[in-house]
Amino acid sequence: MKINWKQKLTSRKFWAAVVSFVTTILIVLNYSEMEVEQVAGLITATASLIAYIIGEGMVDAKRVEVEKEDERGE
């Protein structure tokens, strides 16, 4: 089974699971609450950036596809 990474990396559920997993590990390892919050914030910010970049790439790719179809007269 092939994993659709574009879909995974833009999924809010995936990133919520990543944040949950990492913060749980940090709590088990006795990191301070402040450090756990900072790591969770960093992961969330990174996820937002990744989702934005992939989303914009998909929109740009679709626009190019439509422009090529228009040029061919389809």
PDB file of N, CA and C in Angstrom:
ATOM      1  N   MET A   1       0.840  -1.182   0.000  1.00  0.00           N
ATOM      2  CA  MET A   1       0.000   0.000   0.000  1.00  0.00           C
ATOM      3  C   MET A   1       0.887   1.248   0.000  1.00  0.00           C
ATOM      4  N   LYS A   2       0.618   2.142  -0.925  1.00  0.00           N
ATOM      5  CA  LYS A   2       1.404   3.367  -1.053  1.00  0.00           C
ATOM      6  C   LYS A   2       0.788   4.464  -0.173  1.00  0.00           C
ATOM      7  N   ILE A   3       1.636   5.199   0.538  1.00  0.00           N
ATOM      8  CA  ILE A   3       1.183   6.282   1.404  1.00  0.00           C
ATOM      9  C   ILE A   3       1.137   7.578   0.598  1.00  0.00           C
ATOM     10  N   ASN A   4       0.018   8.277   0.673  1.00  0.00           N
ATOM     11  CA  ASN A   4      -0.134   9.574   0.016  1.00  0.00           C
ATOM     12  C   ASN A   4       0.387  10.650   0.967  1.00  0.00           C
ATOM     13  N   TRP A   5       1.667  11.009   0.819  1.00  0.00           N
ATOM     14  CA  TRP A   5       2.303  11.936   1.748  1.00  0.00           C
ATOM     15  C   TRP A   5       1.729  13.344   1.672  1.00  0.00           C
ATOM     16  N   LYS A   6       1.286  13.771   0.477  1.00  0.00           N
ATOM     17  CA  LYS A   6       0.670  15.098   0.371  1.00  0.00           C
ATOM     18  C   LYS A   6      -0.560  15.167   1.267  1.00  0.00           C
ATOM     19  N   GLN A   7      -1.368  14.118   1.195  1.00  0.00           N
ATOM     20  CA  GLN A   7      -2.585  14.091   2.008  1.00  0.00           C
ATOM     21  C   GLN A   7      -2.247  14.018   3.492  1.00  0.00           C
ATOM     22  N   LYS A   8      -1.271  13.201   3.860  1.00  0.00           N
ATOM     23  CA  LYS A   8      -0.888  13.068   5.272  1.00  0.00           C
ATOM     24  C   LYS A   8      -0.347  14.379   5.835  1.00  0.00           C
ATOM     25  N   LEU A   9       0.555  15.014   5.108  1.00  0.00           N
ATOM     26  CA  LEU A   9       1.199  16.226   5.610  1.00  0.00           C
ATOM     27  C   LEU A   9       0.267  17.427   5.672  1.00  0.00           C
ATOM     28  N   THR A  10      -0.859  17.368   4.983  1.00  0.00           N
ATOM     29  CA  THR A  10      -1.825  18.462   5.066  1.00  0.00           C
ATOM     30  C   THR A  10      -3.000  18.119   5.986  1.00  0.00           C
ATOM     31  N   SER A  11      -2.941  16.972   6.617  1.00  0.00           N
ATOM     32  CA  SER A  11      -4.028  16.523   7.489  1.00  0.00           C
ATOM     33  C   SER A  11      -3.880  17.077   8.902  1.00  0.00           C
ATOM     34  N   ARG A  12      -4.918  17.733   9.392  1.00  0.00           N
ATOM     35  CA  ARG A  12      -4.897  18.244  10.764  1.00  0.00           C
ATOM     36  C   ARG A  12      -4.871  17.098  11.772  1.00  0.00           C
ATOM     37  N   LYS A  13      -5.540  16.011  11.440  1.00  0.00           N
ATOM     38  CA  LYS A  13      -5.549  14.857  12.344  1.00  0.00           C
ATOM     39  C   LYS A  13      -4.141  14.278  12.503  1.00  0.00           C
ATOM     40  N   PHE A  14      -3.390  14.208  11.402  1.00  0.00           N
ATOM     41  CA  PHE A  14      -2.017  13.703  11.452  1.00  0.00           C
ATOM     42  C   PHE A  14      -1.165  14.566  12.369  1.00  0.00           C
ATOM     43  N   TRP A  15      -1.246  15.888  12.204  1.00  0.00           N
ATOM     44  CA  TRP A  15      -0.426  16.781  13.016  1.00  0.00           C
ATOM     45  C   TRP A  15      -0.862  16.793  14.472  1.00  0.00           C
ATOM     46  N   ALA A  16      -2.155  16.633  14.722  1.00  0.00           N
ATOM     47  CA  ALA A  16      -2.627  16.528  16.101  1.00  0.00           C
ATOM     48  C   ALA A  16      -2.055  15.266  16.748  1.00  0.00           C
ATOM     49  N   ALA A  17      -1.994  14.186  15.987  1.00  0.00           N
ATOM     50  CA  ALA A  17      -1.413  12.948  16.504  1.00  0.00           C
ATOM     51  C   ALA A  17       0.078  13.116  16.784  1.00  0.00           C
ATOM     52  N   VAL A  18       0.799  13.812  15.906  1.00  0.00           N
ATOM     53  CA  VAL A  18       2.232  14.054  16.105  1.00  0.00           C
ATOM     54  C   VAL A  18       2.454  14.880  17.369  1.00  0.00           C
ATOM     55  N   VAL A  19       1.692  15.967  17.524  1.00  0.00           N
ATOM     56  CA  VAL A  19       1.823  16.820  18.712  1.00  0.00           C
ATOM     57  C   VAL A  19       1.510  16.022  19.968  1.00  0.00           C
ATOM     58  N   SER A  20       0.453  15.247  19.926  1.00  0.00           N
ATOM     59  CA  SER A  20       0.060  14.432  21.079  1.00  0.00           C
ATOM     60  C   SER A  20       1.147  13.434  21.457  1.00  0.00           C
ATOM     61  N   PHE A  21       1.696  12.755  20.465  1.00  0.00           N
ATOM     62  CA  PHE A  21       2.740  11.766  20.714  1.00  0.00           C
ATOM     63  C   PHE A  21       3.988  12.416  21.320  1.00  0.00           C
ATOM     64  N   VAL A  22       4.449  13.490  20.698  1.00  0.00           N
ATOM     65  CA  VAL A  22       5.683  14.140  21.151  1.00  0.00           C
ATOM     66  C   VAL A  22       5.503  14.742  22.549  1.00  0.00           C
ATOM     67  N   THR A  23       4.383  15.414  22.783  1.00  0.00           N
ATOM     68  CA  THR A  23       4.191  16.008  24.104  1.00  0.00           C
ATOM     69  C   THR A  23       4.066  14.946  25.191  1.00  0.00           C
ATOM     70  N   THR A  24       3.439  13.834  24.874  1.00  0.00           N
ATOM     71  CA  THR A  24       3.342  12.740  25.851  1.00  0.00           C
ATOM     72  C   THR A  24       4.725  12.206  26.200  1.00  0.00           C
ATOM     73  N   ILE A  25       5.566  12.026  25.193  1.00  0.00           N
ATOM     74  CA  ILE A  25       6.934  11.549  25.433  1.00  0.00           C
ATOM     75  C   ILE A  25       7.699  12.550  26.296  1.00  0.00           C
ATOM     76  N   LEU A  26       7.563  13.840  25.998  1.00  0.00           N
ATOM     77  CA  LEU A  26       8.267  14.859  26.781  1.00  0.00           C
ATOM     78  C   LEU A  26       7.793  14.875  28.236  1.00  0.00           C
ATOM     79  N   ILE A  27       6.508  14.691  28.446  1.00  0.00           N
ATOM     80  CA  ILE A  27       5.981  14.649  29.814  1.00  0.00           C
ATOM     81  C   ILE A  27       6.516  13.437  30.560  1.00  0.00           C
ATOM     82  N   VAL A  28       6.556  12.286  29.890  1.00  0.00           N
ATOM     83  CA  VAL A  28       7.088  11.071  30.510  1.00  0.00           C
ATOM     84  C   VAL A  28       8.561  11.246  30.880  1.00  0.00           C
ATOM     85  N   LEU A  29       9.289  11.991  30.059  1.00  0.00           N
ATOM     86  CA  LEU A  29      10.713  12.228  30.308  1.00  0.00           C
ATOM     87  C   LEU A  29      10.952  13.387  31.281  1.00  0.00           C
ATOM     88  N   ASN A  30       9.888  13.888  31.904  1.00  0.00           N
ATOM     89  CA  ASN A  30       9.947  14.931  32.936  1.00  0.00           C
ATOM     90  C   ASN A  30      10.454  16.288  32.437  1.00  0.00           C
ATOM     91  N   TYR A  31      10.112  16.653  31.207  1.00  0.00           N
ATOM     92  CA  TYR A  31      10.420  18.008  30.749  1.00  0.00           C
ATOM     93  C   TYR A  31       9.443  18.958  31.412  1.00  0.00           C
ATOM     94  N   SER A  32       9.834  20.209  31.556  1.00  0.00           N
ATOM     95  CA  SER A  32       8.954  21.187  32.202  1.00  0.00           C
ATOM     96  C   SER A  32       7.756  21.483  31.292  1.00  0.00           C
ATOM     97  N   GLU A  33       6.708  21.968  31.928  1.00  0.00           N
ATOM     98  CA  GLU A  33       5.494  22.300  31.187  1.00  0.00           C
ATOM     99  C   GLU A  33       5.777  23.354  30.114  1.00  0.00           C
ATOM    100  N   MET A  34       6.617  24.311  30.441  1.00  0.00           N
ATOM    101  CA  MET A  34       6.966  25.369  29.491  1.00  0.00           C
ATOM    102  C   MET A  34       7.671  24.787  28.261  1.00  0.00           C
ATOM    103  N   GLU A  35       8.602  23.872  28.466  1.00  0.00           N
ATOM    104  CA  GLU A  35       9.311  23.254  27.345  1.00  0.00           C
ATOM    105  C   GLU A  35       8.362  22.437  26.475  1.00  0.00           C
ATOM    106  N   VAL A  36       7.445  21.725  27.099  1.00  0.00           N
ATOM    107  CA  VAL A  36       6.466  20.924  26.353  1.00  0.00           C
ATOM    108  C   VAL A  36       5.595  21.848  25.494  1.00  0.00           C
ATOM    109  N   GLU A  37       5.148  22.959  26.066  1.00  0.00           N
ATOM    110  CA  GLU A  37       4.334  23.916  25.324  1.00  0.00           C
ATOM    111  C   GLU A  37       5.104  24.512  24.151  1.00  0.00           C
ATOM    112  N   GLN A  38       6.378  24.812  24.368  1.00  0.00           N
ATOM    113  CA  GLN A  38       7.187  25.379  23.287  1.00  0.00           C
ATOM    114  C   GLN A  38       7.369  24.387  22.144  1.00  0.00           C
ATOM    115  N   VAL A  39       7.612  23.133  22.468  1.00  0.00           N
ATOM    116  CA  VAL A  39       7.773  22.106  21.436  1.00  0.00           C
ATOM    117  C   VAL A  39       6.460  21.916  20.679  1.00  0.00           C
ATOM    118  N   ALA A  40       5.347  21.868  21.408  1.00  0.00           N
ATOM    119  CA  ALA A  40       4.038  21.718  20.758  1.00  0.00           C
ATOM    120  C   ALA A  40       3.772  22.898  19.819  1.00  0.00           C
ATOM    121  N   GLY A  41       4.104  24.094  20.255  1.00  0.00           N
ATOM    122  CA  GLY A  41       3.942  25.279  19.418  1.00  0.00           C
ATOM    123  C   GLY A  41       4.811  25.225  18.169  1.00  0.00           C
ATOM    124  N   LEU A  42       6.038  24.761  18.338  1.00  0.00           N
ATOM    125  CA  LEU A  42       6.946  24.642  17.197  1.00  0.00           C
ATOM    126  C   LEU A  42       6.429  23.630  16.178  1.00  0.00           C
ATOM    127  N   ILE A  43       5.953  22.490  16.656  1.00  0.00           N
ATOM    128  CA  ILE A  43       5.406  21.476  15.750  1.00  0.00           C
ATOM    129  C   ILE A  43       4.181  22.022  15.021  1.00  0.00           C
ATOM    130  N   THR A  44       3.310  22.707  15.739  1.00  0.00           N
ATOM    131  CA  THR A  44       2.105  23.265  15.136  1.00  0.00           C
ATOM    132  C   THR A  44       2.447  24.306  14.077  1.00  0.00           C
ATOM    133  N   ALA A  45       3.401  25.167  14.376  1.00  0.00           N
ATOM    134  CA  ALA A  45       3.817  26.182  13.400  1.00  0.00           C
ATOM    135  C   ALA A  45       4.428  25.537  12.160  1.00  0.00           C
ATOM    136  N   THR A  46       5.246  24.520  12.366  1.00  0.00           N
ATOM    137  CA  THR A  46       5.858  23.798  11.249  1.00  0.00           C
ATOM    138  C   THR A  46       4.798  23.117  10.394  1.00  0.00           C
ATOM    139  N   ALA A  47       3.821  22.502  11.056  1.00  0.00           N
ATOM    140  CA  ALA A  47       2.738  21.834  10.333  1.00  0.00           C
ATOM    141  C   ALA A  47       1.957  22.821   9.484  1.00  0.00           C
ATOM    142  N   SER A  48       1.691  23.994  10.031  1.00  0.00           N
ATOM    143  CA  SER A  48       0.961  25.019   9.278  1.00  0.00           C
ATOM    144  C   SER A  48       1.742  25.437   8.039  1.00  0.00           C
ATOM    145  N   LEU A  49       3.036  25.615   8.204  1.00  0.00           N
ATOM    146  CA  LEU A  49       3.880  26.005   7.083  1.00  0.00           C
ATOM    147  C   LEU A  49       3.915  24.923   6.010  1.00  0.00           C
ATOM    148  N   ILE A  50       4.084  23.687   6.413  1.00  0.00           N
ATOM    149  CA  ILE A  50       4.117  22.570   5.458  1.00  0.00           C
ATOM    150  C   ILE A  50       2.794  22.470   4.709  1.00  0.00           C
ATOM    151  N   ALA A  51       1.683  22.536   5.435  1.00  0.00           N
ATOM    152  CA  ALA A  51       0.366  22.450   4.794  1.00  0.00           C
ATOM    153  C   ALA A  51       0.164  23.596   3.805  1.00  0.00           C
ATOM    154  N   TYR A  52       0.597  24.795   4.164  1.00  0.00           N
ATOM    155  CA  TYR A  52       0.467  25.944   3.273  1.00  0.00           C
ATOM    156  C   TYR A  52       1.289  25.744   1.995  1.00  0.00           C
ATOM    157  N   ILE A  53       2.529  25.315   2.153  1.00  0.00           N
ATOM    158  CA  ILE A  53       3.405  25.121   0.986  1.00  0.00           C
ATOM    159  C   ILE A  53       2.842  24.057   0.056  1.00  0.00           C
ATOM    160  N   ILE A  54       2.417  22.933   0.605  1.00  0.00           N
ATOM    161  CA  ILE A  54       1.859  21.869  -0.230  1.00  0.00           C
ATOM    162  C   ILE A  54       0.559  22.323  -0.883  1.00  0.00           C
ATOM    163  N   GLY A  55      -0.289  22.987  -0.121  1.00  0.00           N
ATOM    164  CA  GLY A  55      -1.555  23.481  -0.670  1.00  0.00           C
ATOM    165  C   GLY A  55      -1.344  24.454  -1.811  1.00  0.00           C
ATOM    166  N   GLU A  56      -0.438  25.390  -1.635  1.00  0.00           N
ATOM    167  CA  GLU A  56      -0.148  26.352  -2.697  1.00  0.00           C
ATOM    168  C   GLU A  56       0.459  25.664  -3.919  1.00  0.00           C
ATOM    169  N   GLY A  57       1.299  24.667  -3.677  1.00  0.00           N
ATOM    170  CA  GLY A  57       1.872  23.906  -4.789  1.00  0.00           C
ATOM    171  C   GLY A  57       0.804  23.189  -5.594  1.00  0.00           C
ATOM    172  N   MET A  58      -0.181  22.627  -4.901  1.00  0.00           N
ATOM    173  CA  MET A  58      -1.277  21.933  -5.578  1.00  0.00           C
ATOM    174  C   MET A  58      -2.125  22.922  -6.386  1.00  0.00           C
ATOM    175  N   VAL A  59      -2.384  24.100  -5.830  1.00  0.00           N
ATOM    176  CA  VAL A  59      -3.156  25.129  -6.536  1.00  0.00           C
ATOM    177  C   VAL A  59      -2.391  25.601  -7.774  1.00  0.00           C
ATOM    178  N   ASP A  60      -1.095  25.836  -7.622  1.00  0.00           N
ATOM    179  CA  ASP A  60      -0.277  26.272  -8.754  1.00  0.00           C
ATOM    180  C   ASP A  60      -0.241  25.211  -9.856  1.00  0.00           C
ATOM    181  N   ALA A  61      -0.108  23.955  -9.465  1.00  0.00           N
ATOM    182  CA  ALA A  61      -0.071  22.859 -10.445  1.00  0.00           C
ATOM    183  C   ALA A  61      -1.393  22.776 -11.211  1.00  0.00           C
ATOM    184  N   LYS A  62      -2.490  22.942 -10.507  1.00  0.00           N
ATOM    185  CA  LYS A  62      -3.807  22.895 -11.159  1.00  0.00           C
ATOM    186  C   LYS A  62      -3.964  24.066 -12.115  1.00  0.00           C
ATOM    187  N   ARG A  63      -3.489  25.255 -11.718  1.00  0.00           N
ATOM    188  CA  ARG A  63      -3.583  26.431 -12.583  1.00  0.00           C
ATOM    189  C   ARG A  63      -2.789  26.214 -13.879  1.00  0.00           C
ATOM    190  N   VAL A  64      -1.604  25.644 -13.778  1.00  0.00           N
ATOM    191  CA  VAL A  64      -0.789  25.369 -14.959  1.00  0.00           C
ATOM    192  C   VAL A  64      -1.504  24.366 -15.857  1.00  0.00           C
ATOM    193  N   GLU A  65      -2.099  23.358 -15.253  1.00  0.00           N
ATOM    194  CA  GLU A  65      -2.835  22.341 -16.012  1.00  0.00           C
ATOM    195  C   GLU A  65      -3.997  22.974 -16.783  1.00  0.00           C
ATOM    196  N   VAL A  66      -4.747  23.845 -16.124  1.00  0.00           N
ATOM    197  CA  VAL A  66      -5.885  24.517 -16.766  1.00  0.00           C
ATOM    198  C   VAL A  66      -5.405  25.441 -17.878  1.00  0.00           C
ATOM    199  N   GLU A  67      -4.305  26.145 -17.641  1.00  0.00           N
ATOM    200  CA  GLU A  67      -3.765  27.042 -18.685  1.00  0.00           C
ATOM    201  C   GLU A  67      -3.314  26.258 -19.894  1.00  0.00           C
ATOM    202  N   LYS A  68      -2.721  25.092 -19.704  1.00  0.00           N
ATOM    203  CA  LYS A  68      -2.291  24.261 -20.837  1.00  0.00           C
ATOM    204  C   LYS A  68      -3.497  23.746 -21.613  1.00  0.00           C
ATOM    205  N   GLU A  69      -4.552  23.377 -20.909  1.00  0.00           N
ATOM    206  CA  GLU A  69      -5.776  22.923 -21.578  1.00  0.00           C
ATOM    207  C   GLU A  69      -6.381  24.057 -22.399  1.00  0.00           C
ATOM    208  N   ASP A  70      -6.361  25.276 -21.845  1.00  0.00           N
ATOM    209  CA  ASP A  70      -6.903  26.430 -22.561  1.00  0.00           C
ATOM    210  C   ASP A  70      -6.105  26.708 -23.837  1.00  0.00           C
ATOM    211  N   GLU A  71      -4.779  26.563 -23.755  1.00  0.00           N
ATOM    212  CA  GLU A  71      -3.922  26.802 -24.923  1.00  0.00           C
ATOM    213  C   GLU A  71      -4.199  25.790 -26.033  1.00  0.00           C
ATOM    214  N   ARG A  72      -4.512  24.555 -25.639  1.00  0.00           N
ATOM    215  CA  ARG A  72      -4.795  23.500 -26.620  1.00  0.00           C
ATOM    216  C   ARG A  72      -6.229  23.603 -27.146  1.00  0.00           C
ATOM    217  N   GLY A  73      -7.053  24.405 -26.480  1.00  0.00           N
ATOM    218  CA  GLY A  73      -8.426  24.565 -26.923  1.00  0.00           C
ATOM    219  C   GLY A  73      -9.342  23.450 -26.455  1.00  0.00           C
ATOM    220  N   GLU A  74      -8.965  22.796 -25.388  1.00  0.00           N
ATOM    221  CA  GLU A  74      -9.794  21.691 -24.872  1.00  0.00           C
ATOM    222  C   GLU A  74     -10.925  22.188 -24.044  1.00  0.00           C
TER     223      GLU A  74
END
